[in-house]
C-alpha atoms as a PDB file:
ATOM      1  CA  UNK A   1      13.869   4.970 -15.484  1.00  0.00           C
ATOM      2  CA  UNK A   2      13.138   8.632 -14.909  1.00  0.00           C
ATOM      3  CA  UNK A   3      13.557   8.208 -11.174  1.00  0.00           C
ATOM      4  CA  UNK A   4      17.118   6.917 -11.520  1.00  0.00           C
ATOM      5  CA  UNK A   5      18.506   8.659 -14.559  1.00  0.00           C
ATOM      6  CA  UNK A   6      18.386  12.195 -13.291  1.00  0.00           C
ATOM      7  CA  UNK A   7      20.857  13.314 -10.658  1.00  0.00           C
ATOM      8  CA  UNK A   8      18.447  15.078  -8.330  1.00  0.00           C
ATOM      9  CA  UNK A   9      19.643  18.446  -9.622  1.00  0.00           C
ATOM     10  CA  UNK A  10      17.731  18.311 -12.863  1.00  0.00           C
ATOM     11  CA  UNK A  11      14.079  17.375 -13.034  1.00  0.00           C
ATOM     12  CA  UNK A  12      13.168  14.397 -15.181  1.00  0.00           C
ATOM     13  CA  UNK A  13      10.965  15.297 -18.098  1.00  0.00           C
ATOM     14  CA  UNK A  14       7.185  15.205 -17.617  1.00  0.00           C
ATOM     15  CA  UNK A  15       6.600  12.234 -19.917  1.00  0.00           C
ATOM     16  CA  UNK A  16       9.166  10.107 -18.099  1.00  0.00           C
ATOM     17  CA  UNK A  17       7.673  11.012 -14.721  1.00  0.00           C
ATOM     18  CA  UNK A  18       4.189  10.171 -15.975  1.00  0.00           C
ATOM     19  CA  UNK A  19       5.444   6.766 -17.129  1.00  0.00           C
ATOM     20  CA  UNK A  20       7.059   6.135 -13.726  1.00  0.00           C
ATOM     21  CA  UNK A  21       3.861   7.188 -11.948  1.00  0.00           C
ATOM     22  CA  UNK A  22       1.863   4.833 -14.175  1.00  0.00           C
ATOM     23  CA  UNK A  23       4.105   1.959 -13.094  1.00  0.00           C
ATOM     24  CA  UNK A  24       3.298   2.779  -9.510  1.00  0.00           C
ATOM     25  CA  UNK A  25      -0.426   3.249 -10.215  1.00  0.00           C
ATOM     26  CA  UNK A  26      -0.760  -0.163 -11.812  1.00  0.00           C
ATOM     27  CA  UNK A  27       2.010  -2.239 -10.284  1.00  0.00           C
ATOM     28  CA  UNK A  28       2.764  -0.760  -6.832  1.00  0.00           C
ATOM     29  CA  UNK A  29       1.720  -3.903  -4.890  1.00  0.00           C
ATOM     30  CA  UNK A  30       3.927  -6.119  -7.061  1.00  0.00           C
ATOM     31  CA  UNK A  31       6.849  -3.660  -6.982  1.00  0.00           C
ATOM     32  CA  UNK A  32       6.525  -3.386  -3.196  1.00  0.00           C
ATOM     33  CA  UNK A  33       6.427  -7.183  -2.732  1.00  0.00           C
ATOM     34  CA  UNK A  34       9.469  -7.688  -4.958  1.00  0.00           C
ATOM     35  CA  UNK A  35      11.297  -4.866  -3.136  1.00  0.00           C
ATOM     36  CA  UNK A  36      10.426  -6.340   0.260  1.00  0.00           C
ATOM     37  CA  UNK A  37      11.682  -9.741  -0.870  1.00  0.00           C
ATOM     38  CA  UNK A  38      14.890  -8.320  -2.361  1.00  0.00           C
ATOM     39  CA  UNK A  39      14.228  -9.995  -5.715  1.00  0.00           C
ATOM     40  CA  UNK A  40      17.392  -9.883  -7.886  1.00  0.00           C
ATOM     41  CA  UNK A  41      18.117 -10.709 -11.522  1.00  0.00           C
ATOM     42  CA  UNK A  42      21.179 -11.679 -13.503  1.00  0.00           C
ATOM     43  CA  UNK A  43      22.681  -9.545 -16.274  1.00  0.00           C
ATOM     44  CA  UNK A  44      21.377  -6.132 -17.276  1.00  0.00           C
ATOM     45  CA  UNK A  45      17.789  -6.724 -16.224  1.00  0.00           C
ATOM     46  CA  UNK A  46      16.775  -4.219 -13.536  1.00  0.00           C
ATOM     47  CA  UNK A  47      20.174  -2.526 -13.609  1.00  0.00           C
ATOM     48  CA  UNK A  48      20.329   0.831 -11.828  1.00  0.00           C
ATOM     49  CA  UNK A  49      19.979   4.100 -13.753  1.00  0.00           C
ATOM     50  CA  UNK A  50      22.908   6.327 -14.717  1.00  0.00           C
ATOM     51  CA  UNK A  51      22.638   8.567 -11.656  1.00  0.00           C
ATOM     52  CA  UNK A  52      22.712   5.551  -9.351  1.00  0.00           C
ATOM     53  CA  UNK A  53      26.126   4.250 -10.388  1.00  0.00           C
ATOM     54  CA  UNK A  54      27.868   2.498  -7.544  1.00  0.00           C
ATOM     55  CA  UNK A  55      24.652   1.110  -6.044  1.00  0.00           C
ATOM     56  CA  UNK A  56      25.010  -2.246  -7.803  1.00  0.00           C
ATOM     57  CA  UNK A  57      21.261  -2.759  -7.780  1.00  0.00           C
ATOM     58  CA  UNK A  58      20.334  -5.839  -9.761  1.00  0.00           C
ATOM     59  CA  UNK A  59      16.675  -5.955  -8.973  1.00  0.00           C
ATOM     60  CA  UNK A  60      14.354  -4.747  -6.253  1.00  0.00           C
ATOM     61  CA  UNK A  61      15.349  -3.526  -2.807  1.00  0.00           C
ATOM     62  CA  UNK A  62      13.726  -1.433  -0.087  1.00  0.00           C
ATOM     63  CA  UNK A  63      16.505   1.158  -0.623  1.00  0.00           C
ATOM     64  CA  UNK A  64      15.592   1.385  -4.289  1.00  0.00           C
ATOM     65  CA  UNK A  65      11.868   1.642  -3.495  1.00  0.00           C
ATOM     66  CA  UNK A  66      12.609   4.464  -1.026  1.00  0.00           C
ATOM     67  CA  UNK A  67      14.636   6.267  -3.718  1.00  0.00           C
ATOM     68  CA  UNK A  68      11.778   5.966  -6.219  1.00  0.00           C
ATOM     69  CA  UNK A  69       9.276   7.271  -3.677  1.00  0.00           C
ATOM     70  CA  UNK A  70      11.485  10.246  -2.747  1.00  0.00           C
ATOM     71  CA  UNK A  71      12.139  11.178  -6.397  1.00  0.00           C
ATOM     72  CA  UNK A  72       8.405  11.088  -7.216  1.00  0.00           C
ATOM     73  CA  UNK A  73       7.662  13.366  -4.277  1.00  0.00           C
ATOM     74  CA  UNK A  74      10.459  15.724  -5.313  1.00  0.00           C
ATOM     75  CA  UNK A  75       9.149  15.927  -8.899  1.00  0.00           C
ATOM     76  CA  UNK A  76       7.013  18.948  -8.081  1.00  0.00           C
ATOM     77  CA  UNK A  77       4.068  17.525 -10.043  1.00  0.00           C
ATOM     78  CA  UNK A  78       1.285  17.412  -7.467  1.00  0.00           C
ATOM     79  CA  UNK A  79      -1.060  15.389  -9.676  1.00  0.00           C
ATOM     80  CA  UNK A  80       1.482  12.683 -10.275  1.00  0.00           C
ATOM     81  CA  UNK A  81       2.523  12.674  -6.633  1.00  0.00           C
ATOM     82  CA  UNK A  82      -1.094  12.258  -5.502  1.00  0.00           C
ATOM     83  CA  UNK A  83      -1.725   9.323  -7.850  1.00  0.00           C
ATOM     84  CA  UNK A  84       1.568   7.645  -6.963  1.00  0.00           C
ATOM     85  CA  UNK A  85       1.139   8.213  -3.220  1.00  0.00           C
ATOM     86  CA  UNK A  86      -2.303   6.600  -3.340  1.00  0.00           C
ATOM     87  CA  UNK A  87      -0.902   3.512  -5.055  1.00  0.00           C
ATOM     88  CA  UNK A  88       2.137   3.426  -2.794  1.00  0.00           C
ATOM     89  CA  UNK A  89      -0.030   3.642   0.320  1.00  0.00           C
ATOM     90  CA  UNK A  90      -2.249   0.810  -0.851  1.00  0.00           C
ATOM     91  CA  UNK A  91       0.769  -1.341  -1.769  1.00  0.00           C
ATOM     92  CA  UNK A  92       2.295  -1.025   1.679  1.00  0.00           C
ATOM     93  CA  UNK A  93      -0.855  -2.229   3.475  1.00  0.00           C
END
């Protein structure tokens, strides 16, 4: 995922960020609920991205959600940020 494969120093490419924002736009309530519940999976499903090595994420957590939200905001793409923030705000209600 674009929000986990960059290291914070390099910006993820626009297409990857748009895909991540689309996930939030259409699935933010579900992603938020799974993150709040701490839903985990076995195997490689939902494994953390390359830049998140050492986190041992195996699913959804509030820490992971917070990371995604911060990376979207740091993307510098105001249009994507606005769309994602709207979906994130609605999901958290």
